[in-house]
Amino acid sequence: MPEYCFYKKRNQTMALQKSDIKAATLLTRQGFEKQFEEVNAADEKSALSRFDDIRKEKRIDQHNFRAGAITMPLIGILTAIASLFFRKK
């Protein structure tokens, strides 16, 4: 299976075989930026589908991290308050 890399410009994403240096140079001159992700896929369509899946998983991970970053301190504060009420005197 060939290895694909991705180039993005605004909302347009292109998948190129990693060995296609001429096309990569052309896209770069047109203002496309090379993306970090690289995948092995049977064809360009499958590569773009996998790229979308990777980006979707990344957005979900970021959302879950932010939700945990807010929730965990709140739980700590509520636990501290509850321990004040139930402390033996």
PDB file of N, CA and C in Angstrom:
ATOM      1  N   MET A   1       0.833  -1.178   0.000  1.00  0.00           N
ATOM      2  CA  MET A   1       0.000   0.000   0.000  1.00  0.00           C
ATOM      3  C   MET A   1       0.883   1.249   0.000  1.00  0.00           C
ATOM      4  N   PRO A   2       0.537   2.210  -0.819  1.00  0.00           N
ATOM      5  CA  PRO A   2       1.328   3.440  -0.846  1.00  0.00           C
ATOM      6  C   PRO A   2       1.074   4.307   0.389  1.00  0.00           C
ATOM      7  N   GLU A   3       2.044   5.132   0.697  1.00  0.00           N
ATOM      8  CA  GLU A   3       1.935   6.052   1.826  1.00  0.00           C
ATOM      9  C   GLU A   3       1.515   7.415   1.291  1.00  0.00           C
ATOM     10  N   TYR A   4       0.513   8.004   1.925  1.00  0.00           N
ATOM     11  CA  TYR A   4      -0.022   9.290   1.484  1.00  0.00           C
ATOM     12  C   TYR A   4       0.284  10.375   2.515  1.00  0.00           C
ATOM     13  N   CYS A   5       0.518  11.578   2.021  1.00  0.00           N
ATOM     14  CA  CYS A   5       0.628  12.752   2.884  1.00  0.00           C
ATOM     15  C   CYS A   5      -0.430  13.751   2.419  1.00  0.00           C
ATOM     16  N   PHE A   6      -0.700  14.743   3.241  1.00  0.00           N
ATOM     17  CA  PHE A   6      -1.840  15.621   3.002  1.00  0.00           C
ATOM     18  C   PHE A   6      -1.405  17.072   2.941  1.00  0.00           C
ATOM     19  N   TYR A   7      -2.095  17.805   2.090  1.00  0.00           N
ATOM     20  CA  TYR A   7      -1.861  19.238   1.934  1.00  0.00           C
ATOM     21  C   TYR A   7      -3.210  19.931   2.067  1.00  0.00           C
ATOM     22  N   LYS A   8      -3.217  21.022   2.827  1.00  0.00           N
ATOM     23  CA  LYS A   8      -4.477  21.690   3.120  1.00  0.00           C
ATOM     24  C   LYS A   8      -4.369  23.182   2.838  1.00  0.00           C
ATOM     25  N   LYS A   9      -5.438  23.722   2.258  1.00  0.00           N
ATOM     26  CA  LYS A   9      -5.569  25.154   2.009  1.00  0.00           C
ATOM     27  C   LYS A   9      -7.020  25.493   2.294  1.00  0.00           C
ATOM     28  N   ARG A  10      -7.244  26.275   3.329  1.00  0.00           N
ATOM     29  CA  ARG A  10      -8.595  26.608   3.793  1.00  0.00           C
ATOM     30  C   ARG A  10      -9.390  25.325   4.024  1.00  0.00           C
ATOM     31  N   ASN A  11     -10.471  25.115   3.267  1.00  0.00           N
ATOM     32  CA  ASN A  11     -11.313  23.923   3.450  1.00  0.00           C
ATOM     33  C   ASN A  11     -10.977  22.811   2.470  1.00  0.00           C
ATOM     34  N   GLN A  12      -9.982  23.004   1.639  1.00  0.00           N
ATOM     35  CA  GLN A  12      -9.629  22.023   0.621  1.00  0.00           C
ATOM     36  C   GLN A  12      -8.434  21.189   1.087  1.00  0.00           C
ATOM     37  N   THR A  13      -8.589  19.873   1.033  1.00  0.00           N
ATOM     38  CA  THR A  13      -7.525  18.957   1.429  1.00  0.00           C
ATOM     39  C   THR A  13      -7.195  18.037   0.260  1.00  0.00           C
ATOM     40  N   MET A  14      -5.921  17.890  -0.006  1.00  0.00           N
ATOM     41  CA  MET A  14      -5.445  17.026  -1.093  1.00  0.00           C
ATOM     42  C   MET A  14      -4.579  15.922  -0.495  1.00  0.00           C
ATOM     43  N   ALA A  15      -4.736  14.709  -1.023  1.00  0.00           N
ATOM     44  CA  ALA A  15      -3.888  13.587  -0.624  1.00  0.00           C
ATOM     45  C   ALA A  15      -2.954  13.258  -1.783  1.00  0.00           C
ATOM     46  N   LEU A  16      -1.682  13.144  -1.481  1.00  0.00           N
ATOM     47  CA  LEU A  16      -0.683  12.797  -2.494  1.00  0.00           C
ATOM     48  C   LEU A  16       0.158  11.638  -1.991  1.00  0.00           C
ATOM     49  N   GLN A  17       0.574  10.799  -2.941  1.00  0.00           N
ATOM     50  CA  GLN A  17       1.519   9.778  -2.549  1.00  0.00           C
ATOM     51  C   GLN A  17       2.800  10.470  -2.110  1.00  0.00           C
ATOM     52  N   LYS A  18       3.394   9.958  -1.070  1.00  0.00           N
ATOM     53  CA  LYS A  18       4.574  10.595  -0.494  1.00  0.00           C
ATOM     54  C   LYS A  18       5.711  10.713  -1.510  1.00  0.00           C
ATOM     55  N   SER A  19       5.758   9.818  -2.468  1.00  0.00           N
ATOM     56  CA  SER A  19       6.836   9.833  -3.454  1.00  0.00           C
ATOM     57  C   SER A  19       6.617  10.846  -4.582  1.00  0.00           C
ATOM     58  N   ASP A  20       5.449  11.479  -4.645  1.00  0.00           N
ATOM     59  CA  ASP A  20       5.120  12.425  -5.725  1.00  0.00           C
ATOM     60  C   ASP A  20       5.631  13.826  -5.375  1.00  0.00           C
ATOM     61  N   ILE A  21       6.908  14.046  -5.565  1.00  0.00           N
ATOM     62  CA  ILE A  21       7.557  15.299  -5.165  1.00  0.00           C
ATOM     63  C   ILE A  21       7.138  16.464  -6.058  1.00  0.00           C
ATOM     64  N   LYS A  22       6.948  16.212  -7.357  1.00  0.00           N
ATOM     65  CA  LYS A  22       6.550  17.286  -8.276  1.00  0.00           C
ATOM     66  C   LYS A  22       5.201  17.877  -7.895  1.00  0.00           C
ATOM     67  N   ALA A  23       4.219  17.020  -7.644  1.00  0.00           N
ATOM     68  CA  ALA A  23       2.890  17.496  -7.268  1.00  0.00           C
ATOM     69  C   ALA A  23       2.932  18.202  -5.917  1.00  0.00           C
ATOM     70  N   ALA A  24       3.748  17.703  -5.004  1.00  0.00           N
ATOM     71  CA  ALA A  24       3.874  18.339  -3.687  1.00  0.00           C
ATOM     72  C   ALA A  24       4.438  19.751  -3.821  1.00  0.00           C
ATOM     73  N   THR A  25       5.431  19.920  -4.670  1.00  0.00           N
ATOM     74  CA  THR A  25       6.018  21.234  -4.908  1.00  0.00           C
ATOM     75  C   THR A  25       4.992  22.176  -5.522  1.00  0.00           C
ATOM     76  N   LEU A  26       4.216  21.673  -6.463  1.00  0.00           N
ATOM     77  CA  LEU A  26       3.183  22.479  -7.107  1.00  0.00           C
ATOM     78  C   LEU A  26       2.132  22.946  -6.101  1.00  0.00           C
ATOM     79  N   LEU A  27       1.679  22.035  -5.240  1.00  0.00           N
ATOM     80  CA  LEU A  27       0.684  22.408  -4.234  1.00  0.00           C
ATOM     81  C   LEU A  27       1.248  23.431  -3.252  1.00  0.00           C
ATOM     82  N   THR A  28       2.490  23.279  -2.866  1.00  0.00           N
ATOM     83  CA  THR A  28       3.117  24.213  -1.951  1.00  0.00           C
ATOM     84  C   THR A  28       3.183  25.614  -2.575  1.00  0.00           C
ATOM     85  N   ARG A  29       3.507  25.678  -3.844  1.00  0.00           N
ATOM     86  CA  ARG A  29       3.548  26.969  -4.550  1.00  0.00           C
ATOM     87  C   ARG A  29       2.165  27.600  -4.652  1.00  0.00           C
ATOM     88  N   GLN A  30       1.123  26.784  -4.671  1.00  0.00           N
ATOM     89  CA  GLN A  30      -0.248  27.290  -4.754  1.00  0.00           C
ATOM     90  C   GLN A  30      -0.794  27.713  -3.389  1.00  0.00           C
ATOM     91  N   GLY A  31       0.007  27.559  -2.350  1.00  0.00           N
ATOM     92  CA  GLY A  31      -0.415  28.001  -1.016  1.00  0.00           C
ATOM     93  C   GLY A  31      -0.905  26.906  -0.094  1.00  0.00           C
ATOM     94  N   PHE A  32      -0.796  25.668  -0.511  1.00  0.00           N
ATOM     95  CA  PHE A  32      -1.192  24.558   0.358  1.00  0.00           C
ATOM     96  C   PHE A  32      -0.106  24.337   1.407  1.00  0.00           C
ATOM     97  N   GLU A  33      -0.532  23.919   2.595  1.00  0.00           N
ATOM     98  CA  GLU A  33       0.410  23.622   3.678  1.00  0.00           C
ATOM     99  C   GLU A  33       0.409  22.116   3.925  1.00  0.00           C
ATOM    100  N   LYS A  34       1.597  21.565   4.050  1.00  0.00           N
ATOM    101  CA  LYS A  34       1.718  20.133   4.318  1.00  0.00           C
ATOM    102  C   LYS A  34       1.280  19.865   5.751  1.00  0.00           C
ATOM    103  N   GLN A  35       0.464  18.850   5.920  1.00  0.00           N
ATOM    104  CA  GLN A  35      -0.035  18.461   7.231  1.00  0.00           C
ATOM    105  C   GLN A  35       0.878  17.406   7.840  1.00  0.00           C
ATOM    106  N   PHE A  36       0.806  17.263   9.138  1.00  0.00           N
ATOM    107  CA  PHE A  36       1.676  16.350   9.870  1.00  0.00           C
ATOM    108  C   PHE A  36       1.335  14.879   9.601  1.00  0.00           C
ATOM    109  N   GLU A  37       0.056  14.578   9.411  1.00  0.00           N
ATOM    110  CA  GLU A  37      -0.399  13.199   9.307  1.00  0.00           C
ATOM    111  C   GLU A  37       0.042  12.543   8.000  1.00  0.00           C
ATOM    112  N   GLU A  38       0.384  11.265   8.076  1.00  0.00           N
ATOM    113  CA  GLU A  38       0.691  10.423   6.922  1.00  0.00           C
ATOM    114  C   GLU A  38       0.055   9.067   7.171  1.00  0.00           C
ATOM    115  N   VAL A  39      -0.571   8.504   6.136  1.00  0.00           N
ATOM    116  CA  VAL A  39      -1.249   7.213   6.296  1.00  0.00           C
ATOM    117  C   VAL A  39      -0.925   6.291   5.125  1.00  0.00           C
ATOM    118  N   ASN A  40      -1.051   5.003   5.371  1.00  0.00           N
ATOM    119  CA  ASN A  40      -0.978   3.998   4.310  1.00  0.00           C
ATOM    120  C   ASN A  40      -2.404   3.669   3.906  1.00  0.00           C
ATOM    121  N   ALA A  41      -2.682   3.725   2.607  1.00  0.00           N
ATOM    122  CA  ALA A  41      -4.034   3.450   2.127  1.00  0.00           C
ATOM    123  C   ALA A  41      -3.966   2.874   0.722  1.00  0.00           C
ATOM    124  N   ALA A  42      -5.057   2.231   0.312  1.00  0.00           N
ATOM    125  CA  ALA A  42      -5.115   1.619  -1.011  1.00  0.00           C
ATOM    126  C   ALA A  42      -5.199   2.663  -2.121  1.00  0.00           C
ATOM    127  N   ASP A  43      -5.934   3.763  -1.849  1.00  0.00           N
ATOM    128  CA  ASP A  43      -6.073   4.802  -2.858  1.00  0.00           C
ATOM    129  C   ASP A  43      -6.267   6.163  -2.183  1.00  0.00           C
ATOM    130  N   GLU A  44      -6.363   7.198  -3.017  1.00  0.00           N
ATOM    131  CA  GLU A  44      -6.475   8.570  -2.496  1.00  0.00           C
ATOM    132  C   GLU A  44      -7.756   8.775  -1.692  1.00  0.00           C
ATOM    133  N   LYS A  45      -8.854   8.210  -2.144  1.00  0.00           N
ATOM    134  CA  LYS A  45     -10.140   8.353  -1.449  1.00  0.00           C
ATOM    135  C   LYS A  45     -10.072   7.745  -0.048  1.00  0.00           C
ATOM    136  N   SER A  46      -9.488   6.576   0.056  1.00  0.00           N
ATOM    137  CA  SER A  46      -9.341   5.924   1.366  1.00  0.00           C
ATOM    138  C   SER A  46      -8.418   6.725   2.275  1.00  0.00           C
ATOM    139  N   ALA A  47      -7.385   7.312   1.697  1.00  0.00           N
ATOM    140  CA  ALA A  47      -6.454   8.123   2.479  1.00  0.00           C
ATOM    141  C   ALA A  47      -7.158   9.357   3.036  1.00  0.00           C
ATOM    142  N   LEU A  48      -7.959  10.022   2.201  1.00  0.00           N
ATOM    143  CA  LEU A  48      -8.695  11.203   2.666  1.00  0.00           C
ATOM    144  C   LEU A  48      -9.717  10.839   3.741  1.00  0.00           C
ATOM    145  N   SER A  49     -10.339   9.681   3.599  1.00  0.00           N
ATOM    146  CA  SER A  49     -11.291   9.218   4.602  1.00  0.00           C
ATOM    147  C   SER A  49     -10.592   8.986   5.943  1.00  0.00           C
ATOM    148  N   ARG A  50      -9.438   8.364   5.910  1.00  0.00           N
ATOM    149  CA  ARG A  50      -8.677   8.123   7.137  1.00  0.00           C
ATOM    150  C   ARG A  50      -8.199   9.431   7.756  1.00  0.00           C
ATOM    151  N   PHE A  51      -7.794  10.385   6.916  1.00  0.00           N
ATOM    152  CA  PHE A  51      -7.369  11.705   7.397  1.00  0.00           C
ATOM    153  C   PHE A  51      -8.518  12.391   8.136  1.00  0.00           C
ATOM    154  N   ASP A  52      -9.727  12.324   7.569  1.00  0.00           N
ATOM    155  CA  ASP A  52     -10.898  12.904   8.238  1.00  0.00           C
ATOM    156  C   ASP A  52     -11.161  12.220   9.582  1.00  0.00           C
ATOM    157  N   ASP A  53     -11.006  10.897   9.628  1.00  0.00           N
ATOM    158  CA  ASP A  53     -11.195  10.161  10.879  1.00  0.00           C
ATOM    159  C   ASP A  53     -10.173  10.599  11.933  1.00  0.00           C
ATOM    160  N   ILE A  54      -8.928  10.771  11.514  1.00  0.00           N
ATOM    161  CA  ILE A  54      -7.875  11.194  12.448  1.00  0.00           C
ATOM    162  C   ILE A  54      -8.196  12.563  13.012  1.00  0.00           C
ATOM    163  N   ARG A  55      -8.593  13.484  12.154  1.00  0.00           N
ATOM    164  CA  ARG A  55      -8.924  14.841  12.602  1.00  0.00           C
ATOM    165  C   ARG A  55     -10.139  14.843  13.527  1.00  0.00           C
ATOM    166  N   LYS A  56     -11.129  14.007  13.220  1.00  0.00           N
ATOM    167  CA  LYS A  56     -12.326  13.908  14.063  1.00  0.00           C
ATOM    168  C   LYS A  56     -11.958  13.384  15.457  1.00  0.00           C
ATOM    169  N   GLU A  57     -11.124  12.346  15.507  1.00  0.00           N
ATOM    170  CA  GLU A  57     -10.677  11.801  16.792  1.00  0.00           C
ATOM    171  C   GLU A  57      -9.899  12.843  17.589  1.00  0.00           C
ATOM    172  N   LYS A  58      -9.106  13.645  16.910  1.00  0.00           N
ATOM    173  CA  LYS A  58      -8.328  14.688  17.574  1.00  0.00           C
ATOM    174  C   LYS A  58      -9.254  15.734  18.204  1.00  0.00           C
ATOM    175  N   ARG A  59     -10.311  16.138  17.469  1.00  0.00           N
ATOM    176  CA  ARG A  59     -11.269  17.109  18.021  1.00  0.00           C
ATOM    177  C   ARG A  59     -11.985  16.531  19.235  1.00  0.00           C
ATOM    178  N   ILE A  60     -12.359  15.257  19.173  1.00  0.00           N
ATOM    179  CA  ILE A  60     -13.039  14.605  20.297  1.00  0.00           C
ATOM    180  C   ILE A  60     -12.109  14.557  21.517  1.00  0.00           C
ATOM    181  N   ASP A  61     -10.849  14.199  21.308  1.00  0.00           N
ATOM    182  CA  ASP A  61      -9.877  14.148  22.404  1.00  0.00           C
ATOM    183  C   ASP A  61      -9.700  15.522  23.056  1.00  0.00           C
ATOM    184  N   GLN A  62      -9.625  16.566  22.234  1.00  0.00           N
ATOM    185  CA  GLN A  62      -9.468  17.920  22.780  1.00  0.00           C
ATOM    186  C   GLN A  62     -10.694  18.315  23.593  1.00  0.00           C
ATOM    187  N   HIS A  63     -11.880  17.969  23.101  1.00  0.00           N
ATOM    188  CA  HIS A  63     -13.111  18.290  23.832  1.00  0.00           C
ATOM    189  C   HIS A  63     -13.146  17.557  25.171  1.00  0.00           C
ATOM    190  N   ASN A  64     -12.809  16.272  25.159  1.00  0.00           N
ATOM    191  CA  ASN A  64     -12.811  15.489  26.396  1.00  0.00           C
ATOM    192  C   ASN A  64     -11.777  16.016  27.393  1.00  0.00           C
ATOM    193  N   PHE A  65     -10.627  16.439  26.915  1.00  0.00           N
ATOM    194  CA  PHE A  65      -9.601  16.986  27.793  1.00  0.00           C
ATOM    195  C   PHE A  65     -10.099  18.268  28.456  1.00  0.00           C
ATOM    196  N   ARG A  66     -10.701  19.143  27.653  1.00  0.00           N
ATOM    197  CA  ARG A  66     -11.219  20.403  28.218  1.00  0.00           C
ATOM    198  C   ARG A  66     -12.313  20.141  29.242  1.00  0.00           C
ATOM    199  N   ALA A  67     -13.197  19.184  28.942  1.00  0.00           N
ATOM    200  CA  ALA A  67     -14.273  18.864  29.879  1.00  0.00           C
ATOM    201  C   ALA A  67     -13.700  18.338  31.200  1.00  0.00           C
ATOM    202  N   GLY A  68     -12.669  17.505  31.115  1.00  0.00           N
ATOM    203  CA  GLY A  68     -12.040  16.987  32.331  1.00  0.00           C
ATOM    204  C   GLY A  68     -11.284  18.059  33.088  1.00  0.00           C
ATOM    205  N   ALA A  69     -10.697  19.002  32.370  1.00  0.00           N
ATOM    206  CA  ALA A  69      -9.937  20.074  33.009  1.00  0.00           C
ATOM    207  C   ALA A  69     -10.848  20.977  33.834  1.00  0.00           C
ATOM    208  N   ILE A  70     -12.106  21.059  33.450  1.00  0.00           N
ATOM    209  CA  ILE A  70     -13.067  21.868  34.209  1.00  0.00           C
ATOM    210  C   ILE A  70     -13.694  21.051  35.329  1.00  0.00           C
ATOM    211  N   THR A  71     -14.029  19.807  35.048  1.00  0.00           N
ATOM    212  CA  THR A  71     -14.766  18.962  35.993  1.00  0.00           C
ATOM    213  C   THR A  71     -13.923  18.541  37.191  1.00  0.00           C
ATOM    214  N   MET A  72     -12.691  18.161  36.972  1.00  0.00           N
ATOM    215  CA  MET A  72     -11.876  17.629  38.073  1.00  0.00           C
ATOM    216  C   MET A  72     -11.632  18.656  39.182  1.00  0.00           C
ATOM    217  N   PRO A  73     -11.272  19.897  38.902  1.00  0.00           N
ATOM    218  CA  PRO A  73     -11.124  20.864  39.995  1.00  0.00           C
ATOM    219  C   PRO A  73     -12.448  21.123  40.722  1.00  0.00           C
ATOM    220  N   LEU A  74     -13.551  21.113  39.982  1.00  0.00           N
ATOM    221  CA  LEU A  74     -14.857  21.321  40.599  1.00  0.00           C
ATOM    222  C   LEU A  74     -15.168  20.188  41.576  1.00  0.00           C
ATOM    223  N   ILE A  75     -14.864  18.964  41.204  1.00  0.00           N
ATOM    224  CA  ILE A  75     -15.073  17.823  42.092  1.00  0.00           C
ATOM    225  C   ILE A  75     -14.200  17.965  43.337  1.00  0.00           C
ATOM    226  N   GLY A  76     -12.967  18.416  43.169  1.00  0.00           N
ATOM    227  CA  GLY A  76     -12.078  18.625  44.313  1.00  0.00           C
ATOM    228  C   GLY A  76     -12.613  19.667  45.274  1.00  0.00           C
ATOM    229  N   ILE A  77     -13.138  20.755  44.742  1.00  0.00           N
ATOM    230  CA  ILE A  77     -13.706  21.817  45.591  1.00  0.00           C
ATOM    231  C   ILE A  77     -14.928  21.306  46.332  1.00  0.00           C
ATOM    232  N   LEU A  78     -15.808  20.599  45.626  1.00  0.00           N
ATOM    233  CA  LEU A  78     -17.007  20.062  46.276  1.00  0.00           C
ATOM    234  C   LEU A  78     -16.652  19.035  47.346  1.00  0.00           C
ATOM    235  N   THR A  79     -15.630  18.235  47.106  1.00  0.00           N
ATOM    236  CA  THR A  79     -15.180  17.264  48.102  1.00  0.00           C
ATOM    237  C   THR A  79     -14.643  17.967  49.336  1.00  0.00           C
ATOM    238  N   ALA A  80     -13.884  19.032  49.153  1.00  0.00           N
ATOM    239  CA  ALA A  80     -13.354  19.794  50.288  1.00  0.00           C
ATOM    240  C   ALA A  80     -14.476  20.415  51.102  1.00  0.00           C
ATOM    241  N   ILE A  81     -15.479  20.949  50.428  1.00  0.00           N
ATOM    242  CA  ILE A  81     -16.621  21.547  51.137  1.00  0.00           C
ATOM    243  C   ILE A  81     -17.399  20.481  51.894  1.00  0.00           C
ATOM    244  N   ALA A  82     -17.620  19.332  51.257  1.00  0.00           N
ATOM    245  CA  ALA A  82     -18.355  18.251  51.913  1.00  0.00           C
ATOM    246  C   ALA A  82     -17.594  17.729  53.123  1.00  0.00           C
ATOM    247  N   SER A  83     -16.271  17.675  53.034  1.00  0.00           N
ATOM    248  CA  SER A  83     -15.489  17.179  54.165  1.00  0.00           C
ATOM    249  C   SER A  83     -15.557  18.146  55.349  1.00  0.00           C
ATOM    250  N   LEU A  84     -15.746  19.425  55.092  1.00  0.00           N
ATOM    251  CA  LEU A  84     -15.907  20.392  56.185  1.00  0.00           C
ATOM    252  C   LEU A  84     -17.196  20.136  56.961  1.00  0.00           C
ATOM    253  N   PHE A  85     -18.266  19.773  56.257  1.00  0.00           N
ATOM    254  CA  PHE A  85     -19.549  19.536  56.899  1.00  0.00           C
ATOM    255  C   PHE A  85     -19.590  18.228  57.671  1.00  0.00           C
ATOM    256  N   PHE A  86     -18.867  17.234  57.219  1.00  0.00           N
ATOM    257  CA  PHE A  86     -18.925  15.921  57.846  1.00  0.00           C
ATOM    258  C   PHE A  86     -17.741  15.625  58.755  1.00  0.00           C
ATOM    259  N   ARG A  87     -16.932  16.609  59.024  1.00  0.00           N
ATOM    260  CA  ARG A  87     -15.773  16.436  59.889  1.00  0.00           C
ATOM    261  C   ARG A  87     -16.257  16.270  61.343  1.00  0.00           C
ATOM    262  N   LYS A  88     -15.627  15.359  62.070  1.00  0.00           N
ATOM    263  CA  LYS A  88     -15.967  15.191  63.491  1.00  0.00           C
ATOM    264  C   LYS A  88     -15.323  16.294  64.287  1.00  0.00           C
ATOM    265  N   LYS A  89     -16.076  16.816  65.230  1.00  0.00           N
ATOM    266  CA  LYS A  89     -15.557  17.909  66.058  1.00  0.00           C
ATOM    267  C   LYS A  89     -15.161  17.411  67.409  1.00  0.00           C
TER     268      LYS A  89
END
